[in-house]
Amino acid sequence: MPYKVSEQPFIVPTTDGKLIEEHFGLASNGQGHFSIAHMIAPPGWSEPHQQPAFDEVTIVIRGQKQFEIEGETVVLGAGQTILIHRGSRVRYSNPFEQEVEYWSVCVPAFSMEAVNRES
């Protein structure tokens, strides 16, 4: 078949209040070429630093998202997009008072093994 429709995203289980809906990728349909997910992160949310083995594009839809990339802090708002190259040390957070909604595309697909989170 020359196309695939995502009828319902895979809801990734989390413990930090963040909603992750993967439409295509390893968790949703087992393909590893890329992943695309819709996310909503609550105020005060953050992840540990990481050095992913994939490129990641983030498109902010609503609110603000903070990125710490190789020691530099970047804040994106609605309508802004960023590409973070694989191997970069990055930390994602939402230190703001409203939730942030965004889409994320990873090439190759996101996996817990490839994210390389620091403990």
Protein backbone atom coordinates (compact mmCIF):
# COMPACT_ATOMS: atom_id res chain seq x y z
CA MET A 1 0.00 0.00 0.00
CA PRO A 2 1.46 3.40 -0.93
CA TYR A 3 0.22 5.14 2.26
CA LYS A 4 -0.66 4.55 5.90
CA VAL A 5 -3.29 6.42 7.89
CA SER A 6 -2.75 6.78 11.63
CA GLU A 7 -6.21 6.08 13.04
CA GLN A 8 -5.26 6.56 16.68
CA PRO A 9 -1.89 7.52 18.18
CA PHE A 10 -0.06 5.35 20.68
CA ILE A 11 -0.25 7.03 24.11
CA VAL A 12 3.20 6.69 25.67
CA PRO A 13 2.94 5.99 29.41
CA THR A 14 4.57 8.73 31.51
CA THR A 15 4.91 9.55 35.19
CA ASP A 16 5.61 13.29 34.87
CA GLY A 17 2.21 14.57 33.69
CA LYS A 18 3.32 14.95 30.07
CA LEU A 19 0.99 13.69 27.32
CA ILE A 20 2.81 11.95 24.45
CA GLU A 21 0.79 10.78 21.44
CA GLU A 22 3.02 9.03 18.90
CA HIS A 23 1.40 8.89 15.46
CA PHE A 24 4.24 7.13 13.63
CA GLY A 25 7.40 5.55 15.04
CA LEU A 26 8.75 2.58 16.93
CA ALA A 27 6.11 2.59 19.69
CA SER A 28 3.10 3.14 17.41
CA ASN A 29 3.81 1.03 14.34
CA GLY A 30 7.32 -0.39 14.73
CA GLN A 31 8.98 1.61 11.97
CA GLY A 32 12.30 3.26 12.79
CA HIS A 33 12.94 5.68 9.91
CA PHE A 34 11.31 8.58 11.76
CA SER A 35 8.83 9.30 14.52
CA ILE A 36 6.28 12.05 14.93
CA ALA A 37 4.47 12.81 18.16
CA HIS A 38 2.08 15.38 19.56
CA MET A 39 2.90 16.42 23.13
CA ILE A 40 1.51 18.56 25.93
CA ALA A 41 3.80 19.29 28.89
CA PRO A 42 2.46 20.79 32.13
CA PRO A 43 3.93 23.84 33.90
CA GLY A 44 7.09 22.93 35.80
CA TRP A 45 7.84 19.86 33.64
CA SER A 46 11.43 18.99 32.76
CA GLU A 47 13.56 16.09 31.58
CA PRO A 48 17.18 15.24 32.41
CA HIS A 49 19.96 16.26 30.05
CA GLN A 50 20.40 13.92 27.10
CA GLN A 51 22.51 13.39 23.97
CA PRO A 52 20.12 11.81 21.45
CA ALA A 53 21.35 9.70 18.55
CA PHE A 54 18.67 11.29 16.33
CA ASP A 55 17.92 14.74 14.88
CA GLU A 56 14.84 16.32 16.44
CA VAL A 57 12.56 19.03 15.07
CA THR A 58 10.18 20.68 17.55
CA ILE A 59 7.22 22.82 16.41
CA VAL A 60 5.60 24.80 19.23
CA ILE A 61 1.82 25.16 18.84
CA ARG A 62 0.87 26.84 22.13
CA GLY A 63 2.75 28.16 25.15
CA GLN A 64 6.55 28.21 25.49
CA LYS A 65 9.21 25.50 25.65
CA GLN A 66 12.72 25.95 27.00
CA PHE A 67 15.77 24.21 25.51
CA GLU A 68 19.22 24.08 27.06
CA ILE A 69 21.51 23.18 24.17
CA GLU A 70 25.24 22.78 24.79
CA GLY A 71 24.98 25.30 27.65
CA GLU A 72 22.87 27.88 25.76
CA THR A 73 19.23 28.53 26.76
CA VAL A 74 16.70 28.99 23.96
CA VAL A 75 12.98 29.69 24.52
CA LEU A 76 10.50 29.07 21.72
CA GLY A 77 6.91 30.29 21.56
CA ALA A 78 3.90 29.40 19.45
CA GLY A 79 4.69 29.22 15.75
CA GLN A 80 8.43 28.75 16.21
CA THR A 81 10.41 25.68 15.16
CA ILE A 82 13.87 24.37 16.08
CA LEU A 83 16.13 21.60 14.75
CA ILE A 84 18.51 20.05 17.27
CA HIS A 85 21.22 17.91 15.70
CA ARG A 86 21.93 14.39 16.98
CA GLY A 87 24.71 14.18 19.53
CA SER A 88 23.99 17.63 21.00
CA ARG A 89 23.66 17.76 24.79
CA VAL A 90 20.13 19.07 25.39
CA ARG A 91 17.62 19.46 28.19
CA TYR A 92 13.92 20.16 27.58
CA SER A 93 11.66 21.92 30.08
CA ASN A 94 8.59 24.04 30.68
CA PRO A 95 9.43 26.36 33.57
CA PHE A 96 6.50 28.60 32.63
CA GLU A 97 3.03 29.00 34.19
CA GLN A 98 1.03 27.51 31.31
CA GLU A 99 1.24 24.16 29.58
CA VAL A 100 3.12 23.88 26.29
CA GLU A 101 1.78 22.04 23.26
CA TYR A 102 4.12 20.96 20.49
CA TRP A 103 4.93 18.40 17.80
CA SER A 104 8.21 16.56 17.63
CA VAL A 105 9.76 14.78 14.64
CA CYS A 106 12.81 12.52 15.21
CA VAL A 107 15.02 11.09 12.45
CA PRO A 108 15.67 8.21 12.93
CA ALA A 109 12.76 7.38 15.23
CA PHE A 110 12.82 8.13 18.96
CA SER A 111 13.71 5.25 21.26
CA MET A 112 14.69 5.08 24.91
CA GLU A 113 17.95 3.43 23.87
CA ALA A 114 18.82 6.25 21.42
CA VAL A 115 17.90 9.20 23.70
CA ASN A 116 20.91 8.70 26.01
CA ARG A 117 19.43 10.42 29.08
CA GLU A 118 21.74 11.29 31.93
CA SER A 119 20.80 9.92 35.35
